[in-house]
Amino acid sequence: MKQLTLGMVAHVDAGKTTLSESLLYTTGTIKHQGRVDHKDTFLDYNTQERERGITIFSKVSSLDYKNNHFTFIDTPGHADFSGEMERALSVLDYAIVIINGLDGVQAHTKTIWNLLEHYHVPAFIFVNKMDLTHYTKEELLDSLSQLSPHIMDMSASEEDIVALDEEMIEEYLETGSLKDTSIAKAISNRHLYPLYFGSALKNQGVDELLDALDRYTLEKEPQTELSAQVFKITRDERGERLVFIKVTGGRLHVRDTIHDEKIHRIRLYQGNRYTLVEEASQNDIVALTGIKKLQAGDYIGLGHVIHSTLRPSMLYSIQPSKEADINHFFSSLKVLGEEEPLSIFFDKEAIKKEYTGKNDIIFLRLANTILVIVAILLILYLKDFVLDMPYIINKQYSYAEGYVTEQSHGGADISSERRSIFLYDKVKDDEIEITVFSRYIDKNTYLKVQYLPHTKYGAIVEIK
């Protein structure tokens, strides 16, 4: 049986979780097809995810189709959670890039595409919501061409498909036809990106996608020496540390030793449920318990450490409140830092070694691409804290200043919240919308703001 790891990646609201749900339902893996808007999907089981209607944490599920065992990683689509998405890319055999048929290629789609190129991940493309869009297939294909000229609607003629790869051209000239394995090789080499259209909510085009994954994918050669990649650290509901790995060669067993630490259990996850297994072999994605030292990006056996290519662009400081349990405060920040390595680092100079447990002001530095992930994780792990105004650490920022004409609430349930601020910028003589992380600001308040022009995310640097 062919065994592959596939990742669902997309700009937010393209329908990743809905497509995952459809694939699981179509193959009979789940009996009920949930909906994001009904808050009953198989994979978005976290309370924060269901309340917001978005994926925050990557989830693992699997299904059998014909002679294939596919393990799917449903990744977050919101740019706020790009780090969680990128870490999953390091263990993928193939990606399924979902495009919102109502919008075509969006800003975050390009970020995802660049990351797929960096990690050399072949990709299938599924244009979703074709039951709702007013765009034609041709218009959407034209939008996709900005990602690559090698994206091909697989309903096109063989001659059009052949033209994308020299080996396929040679085979077609010699035989007048193409083998599935030849197309699969072109996809694996990233010379061809197969394109399919449909509606995940209505299960349209899903059978065609499954058939393509069966016909046009290749499994890696077996490796006997042990190798595995760590891509996720999290905790279960009892607080037990889980190290998610993909085994890329050899076998791991319960009670095996990794860096002087013994594996207590090996969990095989399906959504939020798991079964205990005695061993994990090549291409398995499992969670290990009992391992405290491994971090996301580390490896076991053969391999190398994988570092994130994404970099934080904003910096915050946080301090415990007077009522905070300082030990719980620091241990919670350590947990947060393990689960989202991009989000937090300690400023050692600011933490005085002689701290005695009294209510001294201790600042820690929080960094993230965008701060919503910090807000949500802080809700989960901390109660008593103060989050200060941020400043931007990316050098390519601009300034805006003017009066607040309007603001919208971002929904983060902490004392500081994400808001869209509308400023009348007196410098540009124009109104500009900037997203900031701040407490409520009265209308007509005069602000000076730093912001990143390409994202319009910013930080308030002065209030008058």
Protein backbone atom coordinates (compact mmCIF):
# COMPACT_ATOMS: atom_id res chain seq x y z
CA MET A 1 0.00 0.00 0.00
CA LYS A 2 1.34 3.43 -0.96
CA GLN A 3 1.70 5.68 2.09
CA LEU A 4 1.99 9.45 1.74
CA THR A 5 1.78 12.59 3.87
CA LEU A 6 -0.30 15.36 2.32
CA GLY A 7 -0.72 18.91 3.62
CA MET A 8 -3.75 21.13 3.19
CA VAL A 9 -2.53 24.71 2.71
CA ALA A 10 -4.36 27.88 1.70
CA HIS A 11 -5.16 31.50 2.38
CA VAL A 12 -7.73 31.82 5.16
CA ASP A 13 -11.37 31.04 4.20
CA ALA A 14 -10.43 29.13 1.05
CA GLY A 15 -12.00 25.98 2.49
CA LYS A 16 -9.12 23.80 3.71
CA THR A 17 -10.96 22.30 6.65
CA THR A 18 -14.09 21.86 4.53
CA LEU A 19 -12.07 19.97 1.90
CA SER A 20 -10.47 17.81 4.61
CA GLU A 21 -13.95 17.06 5.92
CA SER A 22 -15.17 16.20 2.43
CA LEU A 23 -12.24 13.85 1.76
CA LEU A 24 -12.80 12.03 5.06
CA TYR A 25 -16.54 11.78 4.44
CA THR A 26 -16.29 10.74 0.77
CA THR A 27 -13.96 7.87 1.65
CA GLY A 28 -16.19 6.70 4.52
CA THR A 29 -13.61 7.59 7.18
CA ILE A 30 -16.17 9.70 9.07
CA LYS A 31 -19.93 9.18 9.05
CA HIS A 32 -21.00 12.80 9.54
CA GLN A 33 -19.82 15.66 7.34
CA GLY A 34 -19.50 18.68 9.61
CA ARG A 35 -19.35 22.33 8.65
CA VAL A 36 -17.14 25.14 9.89
CA ASP A 37 -20.12 27.46 10.29
CA HIS A 38 -21.95 24.77 12.27
CA LYS A 39 -18.90 24.38 14.55
CA ASP A 40 -18.92 20.60 14.23
CA THR A 41 -16.04 19.70 11.91
CA PHE A 42 -13.94 16.65 12.69
CA LEU A 43 -10.63 18.54 12.79
CA ASP A 44 -11.45 21.98 14.23
CA TYR A 45 -12.27 20.61 17.67
CA ASN A 46 -10.45 23.25 19.73
CA THR A 47 -12.83 25.68 21.47
CA GLN A 48 -10.99 28.75 20.20
CA GLU A 49 -11.13 27.39 16.64
CA ARG A 50 -14.83 26.68 16.74
CA GLU A 51 -15.66 30.08 18.20
CA ARG A 52 -13.62 31.91 15.55
CA GLY A 53 -14.37 29.57 12.63
CA ILE A 54 -10.68 29.27 11.70
CA THR A 55 -7.92 26.70 12.06
CA ILE A 56 -5.29 27.68 14.63
CA PHE A 57 -3.37 24.45 15.19
CA SER A 58 -2.30 21.87 12.61
CA LYS A 59 -4.24 18.59 12.88
CA VAL A 60 -3.53 15.07 11.67
CA SER A 61 -6.02 12.71 10.07
CA SER A 62 -5.74 9.77 7.70
CA LEU A 63 -7.82 7.84 5.19
CA ASP A 64 -7.54 4.83 2.93
CA TYR A 65 -8.40 5.15 -0.76
CA LYS A 66 -7.92 2.27 -3.18
CA ASN A 67 -4.36 1.05 -2.54
CA ASN A 68 -3.27 4.21 -0.70
CA HIS A 69 -2.98 5.33 2.90
CA PHE A 70 -3.02 9.13 2.97
CA THR A 71 -2.12 11.06 6.12
CA PHE A 72 -3.41 14.62 5.96
CA ILE A 73 -2.14 17.58 7.93
CA ASP A 74 -4.73 20.36 7.96
CA THR A 75 -2.73 23.56 8.52
CA PRO A 76 -3.86 27.06 9.56
CA GLY A 77 -4.67 29.45 6.71
CA HIS A 78 -4.58 32.71 8.64
CA ALA A 79 -1.31 34.62 8.24
CA ASP A 80 -1.24 34.98 12.03
CA PHE A 81 -0.44 31.26 12.29
CA SER A 82 2.07 30.96 9.46
CA GLY A 83 4.68 29.42 11.75
CA GLU A 84 2.41 26.45 12.52
CA MET A 85 1.82 25.99 8.80
CA GLU A 86 5.50 26.23 7.85
CA ARG A 87 6.60 23.62 10.38
CA ALA A 88 4.20 21.11 8.81
CA LEU A 89 5.71 21.67 5.35
CA SER A 90 8.96 20.04 6.44
CA VAL A 91 7.31 16.59 6.59
CA LEU A 92 5.07 16.69 3.51
CA ASP A 93 5.34 14.47 0.46
CA TYR A 94 2.79 16.60 -1.40
CA ALA A 95 0.73 19.71 -0.71
CA ILE A 96 -2.84 20.38 -1.75
CA VAL A 97 -3.12 24.13 -2.31
CA ILE A 98 -6.73 25.26 -1.98
CA ILE A 99 -7.71 28.42 -3.85
CA ASN A 100 -10.87 30.36 -3.07
CA GLY A 101 -12.76 30.50 -6.35
CA LEU A 102 -14.34 33.77 -5.24
CA ASP A 103 -10.97 35.51 -5.01
CA GLY A 104 -8.30 33.64 -6.96
CA VAL A 105 -4.70 34.09 -5.82
CA GLN A 106 -4.47 36.15 -2.61
CA ALA A 107 -1.57 37.67 -0.69
CA HIS A 108 -0.98 34.75 1.67
CA THR A 109 -1.26 32.30 -1.24
CA LYS A 110 1.99 33.74 -2.58
CA THR A 111 3.70 33.31 0.80
CA ILE A 112 2.60 29.67 0.89
CA TRP A 113 3.78 29.12 -2.68
CA ASN A 114 7.22 30.52 -1.88
CA LEU A 115 7.47 28.26 1.17
CA LEU A 116 6.53 25.22 -0.91
CA GLU A 117 9.33 26.14 -3.29
CA HIS A 118 11.77 26.53 -0.38
CA TYR A 119 10.92 23.08 0.98
CA HIS A 120 10.72 21.52 -2.51
CA VAL A 121 7.18 20.24 -1.95
CA PRO A 122 5.22 19.15 -5.07
CA ALA A 123 1.68 20.46 -5.16
CA PHE A 124 -1.81 19.71 -6.43
CA ILE A 125 -4.18 22.67 -6.72
CA PHE A 126 -7.90 22.58 -5.94
CA VAL A 127 -9.97 25.66 -6.76
CA ASN A 128 -12.84 25.60 -4.28
CA LYS A 129 -16.27 27.29 -4.14
CA MET A 130 -16.89 26.92 -7.87
CA ASP A 131 -20.60 26.72 -7.04
CA LEU A 132 -20.47 30.32 -5.80
CA THR A 133 -17.94 32.14 -7.94
CA HIS A 134 -18.71 34.41 -10.87
CA TYR A 135 -15.26 33.78 -12.35
CA THR A 136 -14.77 31.35 -15.21
CA LYS A 137 -12.16 28.58 -15.08
CA GLU A 138 -10.12 30.49 -17.64
CA GLU A 139 -10.11 33.63 -15.50
CA LEU A 140 -9.06 31.68 -12.43
CA LEU A 141 -6.32 29.89 -14.36
CA ASP A 142 -5.06 33.29 -15.49
CA SER A 143 -4.91 34.38 -11.84
CA LEU A 144 -2.99 31.21 -10.94
CA SER A 145 -0.44 31.81 -13.68
CA GLN A 146 1.23 34.44 -11.47
CA LEU A 147 2.31 31.56 -9.19
CA SER A 148 3.75 29.40 -11.97
CA PRO A 149 3.38 28.82 -15.73
CA HIS A 150 3.42 25.08 -14.97
CA ILE A 151 -0.06 25.00 -13.44
CA MET A 152 -2.25 22.92 -15.75
CA ASP A 153 -5.96 22.17 -15.81
CA MET A 154 -5.90 18.37 -16.06
CA SER A 155 -8.93 18.40 -18.32
CA ALA A 156 -6.68 19.95 -20.99
CA SER A 157 -5.35 17.96 -23.93
CA GLU A 158 -2.36 15.64 -23.50
CA GLU A 159 -0.39 17.86 -25.87
CA ASP A 160 -0.73 20.81 -23.48
CA ILE A 161 0.28 18.71 -20.46
CA VAL A 162 3.24 17.14 -22.28
CA ALA A 163 4.72 20.53 -23.16
CA LEU A 164 5.61 21.21 -19.51
CA ASP A 165 8.30 18.53 -19.18
CA GLU A 166 11.06 17.35 -21.52
CA GLU A 167 10.82 13.70 -20.52
CA MET A 168 7.08 13.71 -21.16
CA ILE A 169 7.71 15.28 -24.57
CA GLU A 170 10.14 12.51 -25.49
CA GLU A 171 7.78 9.77 -24.33
CA TYR A 172 4.83 11.29 -26.17
CA LEU A 173 6.80 11.63 -29.42
CA GLU A 174 7.92 8.00 -29.18
CA THR A 175 4.67 6.36 -28.08
CA GLY A 176 1.89 8.87 -28.78
CA SER A 177 0.64 8.59 -25.18
CA LEU A 178 1.63 9.25 -21.56
CA LYS A 179 1.92 6.85 -18.66
CA ASP A 180 0.56 7.87 -15.27
CA THR A 181 4.01 7.30 -13.79
CA SER A 182 5.49 9.84 -16.23
CA ILE A 183 2.97 12.47 -15.15
CA ALA A 184 3.63 11.54 -11.52
CA LYS A 185 7.37 12.02 -12.03
CA ALA A 186 6.83 15.46 -13.60
CA ILE A 187 4.67 16.45 -10.60
CA SER A 188 7.27 15.10 -8.15
CA ASN A 189 9.94 17.18 -9.90
CA ARG A 190 7.70 20.28 -9.68
CA HIS A 191 7.51 20.58 -13.46
CA LEU A 192 3.73 20.18 -13.37
CA TYR A 193 1.09 21.36 -10.87
CA PRO A 194 -2.21 19.59 -11.59
CA LEU A 195 -5.27 21.82 -11.28
CA TYR A 196 -8.79 20.70 -10.33
CA PHE A 197 -12.02 22.60 -9.73
CA GLY A 198 -14.95 21.89 -7.43
CA SER A 199 -16.91 22.62 -4.27
CA ALA A 200 -15.73 20.93 -1.09
CA LEU A 201 -18.96 21.77 0.73
CA LYS A 202 -21.00 19.97 -1.95
CA ASN A 203 -18.38 17.24 -2.50
CA GLN A 204 -17.97 18.30 -6.12
CA GLY A 205 -14.60 17.56 -7.72
CA VAL A 206 -13.44 15.62 -4.65
CA ASP A 207 -13.55 12.20 -6.36
CA GLU A 208 -11.44 13.60 -9.21
CA LEU A 209 -8.90 14.94 -6.70
CA LEU A 210 -8.72 11.59 -4.89
CA ASP A 211 -8.26 9.78 -8.21
CA ALA A 212 -5.41 12.16 -9.11
CA LEU A 213 -3.72 11.53 -5.76
CA ASP A 214 -3.97 7.81 -6.44
CA ARG A 215 -2.66 7.96 -10.03
CA TYR A 216 -0.11 10.78 -9.97
CA THR A 217 1.83 10.39 -6.72
CA LEU A 218 5.03 8.47 -5.95
CA GLU A 219 6.17 6.96 -2.67
CA LYS A 220 9.75 7.47 -1.55
CA GLU A 221 12.14 4.52 -1.57
CA PRO A 222 12.32 2.51 1.68
CA GLN A 223 15.13 3.51 4.07
CA THR A 224 16.40 1.06 6.67
CA GLU A 225 18.35 3.49 8.88
CA LEU A 226 16.35 5.36 11.49
CA SER A 227 15.43 8.94 10.63
CA ALA A 228 12.56 11.14 11.77
CA GLN A 229 11.68 14.83 11.75
CA VAL A 230 10.04 16.73 14.61
CA PHE A 231 7.46 19.24 13.35
CA LYS A 232 5.21 20.01 16.29
CA ILE A 233 5.28 20.22 20.09
CA THR A 234 2.03 20.41 22.00
CA ARG A 235 0.29 19.22 25.18
CA ASP A 236 -2.73 17.03 25.62
CA GLU A 237 -5.69 17.86 27.87
CA ARG A 238 -3.78 16.49 30.89
CA GLY A 239 -0.72 18.61 30.13
CA GLU A 240 1.43 15.73 28.88
CA ARG A 241 4.06 16.85 26.37
CA LEU A 242 3.58 15.44 22.86
CA VAL A 243 6.36 15.38 20.28
CA PHE A 244 4.89 14.99 16.78
CA ILE A 245 7.27 13.38 14.30
CA LYS A 246 7.27 11.90 10.85
CA VAL A 247 9.35 8.74 10.54
CA THR A 248 11.28 9.04 7.27
CA GLY A 249 13.29 5.84 7.62
CA GLY A 250 13.64 2.76 9.80
CA ARG A 251 11.49 2.08 12.87
CA LEU A 252 10.91 3.48 16.35
CA HIS A 253 9.61 1.40 19.24
CA VAL A 254 8.11 2.08 22.65
CA ARG A 255 10.94 2.17 25.22
CA ASP A 256 13.53 3.13 22.59
CA THR A 257 15.96 5.77 23.86
CA ILE A 258 16.41 9.18 22.21
CA HIS A 259 19.15 11.40 23.66
CA ASP A 260 19.04 9.52 26.99
CA GLU A 261 15.24 9.81 27.16
CA LYS A 262 12.96 6.80 26.83
CA ILE A 263 9.81 6.80 24.69
CA HIS A 264 6.90 6.03 27.03
CA ARG A 265 4.15 5.75 24.43
CA ILE A 266 3.61 6.16 20.70
CA ARG A 267 0.26 7.67 19.73
CA LEU A 268 -1.30 7.43 16.28
CA TYR A 269 -3.72 10.35 15.97
CA GLN A 270 -6.94 10.67 14.02
CA GLY A 271 -8.26 14.16 14.77
CA ASN A 272 -8.40 14.52 18.56
CA ARG A 273 -8.51 10.75 19.12
CA TYR A 274 -5.57 8.40 19.17
CA THR A 275 -4.62 4.74 19.39
CA LEU A 276 -1.49 3.42 21.10
CA VAL A 277 0.95 1.50 18.92
CA GLU A 278 4.12 -0.39 19.77
CA GLU A 279 6.16 0.89 16.84
CA ALA A 280 6.22 3.51 14.10
CA SER A 281 7.73 2.84 10.69
CA GLN A 282 8.64 4.90 7.61
CA ASN A 283 5.98 7.44 6.57
CA ASP A 284 4.08 7.20 9.88
CA ILE A 285 3.15 10.42 11.64
CA VAL A 286 2.95 9.82 15.38
CA ALA A 287 3.19 11.60 18.72
CA LEU A 288 5.78 10.50 21.29
CA THR A 289 5.40 10.89 25.06
CA GLY A 290 8.23 10.86 27.57
CA ILE A 291 10.56 13.01 25.44
CA LYS A 292 11.38 16.41 26.96
CA LYS A 293 14.41 17.64 25.04
CA LEU A 294 13.37 17.52 21.38
CA GLN A 295 12.00 20.74 19.87
CA ALA A 296 10.19 21.52 16.61
CA GLY A 297 12.68 21.33 13.76
CA ASP A 298 14.91 18.73 15.47
CA TYR A 299 15.56 15.30 14.02
CA ILE A 300 16.09 11.72 15.21
CA GLY A 301 18.79 9.53 13.67
CA LEU A 302 19.79 10.73 10.22
CA GLY A 303 18.78 14.25 9.25
CA HIS A 304 19.36 17.88 10.03
CA VAL A 305 17.78 20.66 12.06
CA ILE A 306 15.18 22.65 10.12
CA HIS A 307 14.93 26.35 10.88
CA SER A 308 11.91 28.48 10.06
CA THR A 309 12.32 30.90 7.17
CA LEU A 310 9.60 33.18 8.55
CA ARG A 311 10.75 35.98 10.81
CA PRO A 312 8.84 38.04 13.37
CA SER A 313 8.05 41.61 12.44
CA MET A 314 6.71 42.96 15.73
CA LEU A 315 7.95 43.00 19.30
CA TYR A 316 5.95 43.14 22.54
CA SER A 317 6.85 43.15 26.19
CA ILE A 318 4.88 41.32 28.84
CA GLN A 319 5.03 41.46 32.61
CA PRO A 320 3.27 39.51 35.34
CA SER A 321 0.62 41.32 37.31
CA LYS A 322 1.03 41.80 41.02
CA GLU A 323 -1.29 38.86 41.70
CA ALA A 324 0.50 36.48 39.33
CA ASP A 325 2.14 33.24 40.45
CA ILE A 326 5.62 33.89 39.08
CA ASN A 327 6.53 30.21 38.80
CA HIS A 328 3.38 29.47 36.85
CA PHE A 329 4.02 32.57 34.76
CA PHE A 330 7.48 31.45 33.64
CA SER A 331 6.55 27.79 33.16
CA SER A 332 3.56 28.82 31.03
CA LEU A 333 5.76 31.04 28.87
CA LYS A 334 8.14 28.12 28.39
CA VAL A 335 5.24 25.94 27.20
CA LEU A 336 4.07 28.71 24.89
CA GLY A 337 7.56 29.07 23.45
CA GLU A 338 7.80 25.36 22.70
CA GLU A 339 4.45 25.27 20.93
CA GLU A 340 5.04 28.46 18.92
CA PRO A 341 8.82 28.96 18.63
CA LEU A 342 8.37 32.10 16.53
CA SER A 343 6.29 33.78 19.19
CA ILE A 344 8.46 34.16 22.25
CA PHE A 345 11.99 34.56 23.47
CA PHE A 346 13.33 35.63 26.83
CA ASP A 347 15.32 38.82 27.24
CA LYS A 348 17.98 37.45 29.60
CA GLU A 349 19.29 40.92 30.39
CA ALA A 350 15.87 41.94 31.67
CA ILE A 351 15.44 38.93 33.95
CA LYS A 352 17.40 39.59 37.09
CA LYS A 353 19.01 36.49 38.55
CA GLU A 354 18.42 37.76 42.06
CA TYR A 355 14.65 37.83 41.56
CA THR A 356 13.20 36.81 44.92
CA GLY A 357 9.57 36.18 44.06
CA LYS A 358 8.42 39.65 45.06
CA ASN A 359 6.38 41.78 42.70
CA ASP A 360 9.30 43.14 40.71
CA ILE A 361 8.53 44.25 37.16
CA ILE A 362 9.98 41.66 34.80
CA PHE A 363 9.71 42.18 31.08
CA LEU A 364 9.86 39.37 28.57
CA ARG A 365 9.93 39.90 24.85
CA LEU A 366 7.27 38.40 22.65
CA ALA A 367 7.78 38.32 18.92
CA ASN A 368 5.56 37.02 16.17
CA THR A 369 4.71 37.62 12.57
CA ILE A 370 1.33 38.88 13.73
CA LEU A 371 0.27 38.87 17.34
CA VAL A 372 -3.05 37.01 17.33
CA ILE A 373 -1.32 33.68 18.00
CA VAL A 374 0.26 35.17 21.11
CA ALA A 375 -3.11 36.44 22.29
CA ILE A 376 -4.76 33.06 21.94
CA LEU A 377 -1.92 31.09 23.51
CA LEU A 378 -1.76 33.56 26.39
CA ILE A 379 -5.45 32.97 26.99
CA LEU A 380 -4.78 29.24 27.20
CA TYR A 381 -1.79 29.39 29.53
CA LEU A 382 -1.81 32.67 31.43
CA LYS A 383 -4.37 34.69 33.32
CA ASP A 384 -2.51 37.46 35.15
CA PHE A 385 -0.39 39.51 32.79
CA VAL A 386 -0.06 42.89 31.12
CA LEU A 387 0.76 43.12 27.42
CA ASP A 388 2.39 46.42 26.51
CA MET A 389 2.19 48.33 23.24
CA PRO A 390 4.41 46.80 20.57
CA TYR A 391 6.99 48.17 18.25
CA ILE A 392 8.02 46.92 14.84
CA ILE A 393 11.37 45.17 14.45
CA ASN A 394 11.17 44.89 10.66
CA LYS A 395 13.17 47.81 9.25
CA GLN A 396 10.90 48.29 6.23
CA TYR A 397 8.16 50.18 8.03
CA SER A 398 6.37 53.46 7.45
CA TYR A 399 4.82 56.07 9.74
CA ALA A 400 1.29 57.38 9.77
CA GLU A 401 -0.28 59.89 12.10
CA GLY A 402 -3.68 61.40 12.40
CA TYR A 403 -7.07 61.14 14.09
CA VAL A 404 -9.02 57.92 14.62
CA THR A 405 -12.14 58.10 12.48
CA GLU A 406 -13.34 54.54 13.07
CA GLN A 407 -12.23 51.22 14.56
CA SER A 408 -13.39 47.62 14.45
CA HIS A 409 -13.05 45.02 17.18
CA GLY A 410 -10.74 42.09 16.45
CA GLY A 411 -12.16 39.61 18.95
CA ALA A 412 -9.09 38.56 20.96
CA ASP A 413 -10.37 37.94 24.48
CA ILE A 414 -7.63 39.62 26.53
CA SER A 415 -7.05 43.09 27.92
CA SER A 416 -5.23 44.09 24.74
CA GLU A 417 -7.08 43.35 21.50
CA ARG A 418 -6.57 43.39 17.77
CA ARG A 419 -8.34 46.29 16.09
CA SER A 420 -8.53 47.88 12.69
CA ILE A 421 -7.91 51.60 13.15
CA PHE A 422 -8.93 54.08 10.49
CA LEU A 423 -6.70 57.15 10.52
CA TYR A 424 -6.86 60.28 8.47
CA ASP A 425 -3.19 60.56 7.58
CA LYS A 426 -2.40 64.26 7.30
CA VAL A 427 0.91 63.49 5.59
CA LYS A 428 -0.65 61.55 2.69
CA ASP A 429 -3.91 63.49 2.85
CA ASP A 430 -5.78 60.20 2.79
CA GLU A 431 -7.53 57.78 5.14
CA ILE A 432 -5.55 54.62 5.89
CA GLU A 433 -6.59 51.41 7.66
CA ILE A 434 -4.01 49.86 9.97
CA THR A 435 -4.43 46.78 12.17
CA VAL A 436 -2.99 47.25 15.66
CA PHE A 437 -3.04 45.31 18.92
CA SER A 438 -4.35 47.74 21.48
CA ARG A 439 -6.89 48.55 24.13
CA TYR A 440 -9.95 50.53 23.07
CA ILE A 441 -9.11 53.94 21.65
CA ASP A 442 -11.67 56.74 21.57
CA LYS A 443 -12.75 58.23 18.30
CA ASN A 444 -10.86 61.42 17.34
CA THR A 445 -7.80 60.32 19.35
CA TYR A 446 -4.60 61.50 17.69
CA LEU A 447 -2.15 58.65 17.04
CA LYS A 448 1.28 58.13 15.60
CA VAL A 449 1.66 54.62 14.20
CA GLN A 450 4.45 52.49 12.75
CA TYR A 451 3.20 49.99 10.18
CA LEU A 452 4.38 47.52 7.58
CA PRO A 453 3.09 48.74 4.19
CA HIS A 454 2.71 45.26 2.66
CA THR A 455 0.53 43.94 5.50
CA LYS A 456 -0.90 47.13 7.06
CA TYR A 457 -0.12 45.69 10.49
CA GLY A 458 1.28 48.25 12.85
CA ALA A 459 2.08 49.45 16.32
CA ILE A 460 0.98 52.60 18.11
CA VAL A 461 4.03 54.60 19.15
CA GLU A 462 2.34 57.75 20.44
CA ILE A 463 -1.13 58.75 21.67
CA LYS A 464 -2.20 62.36 22.15
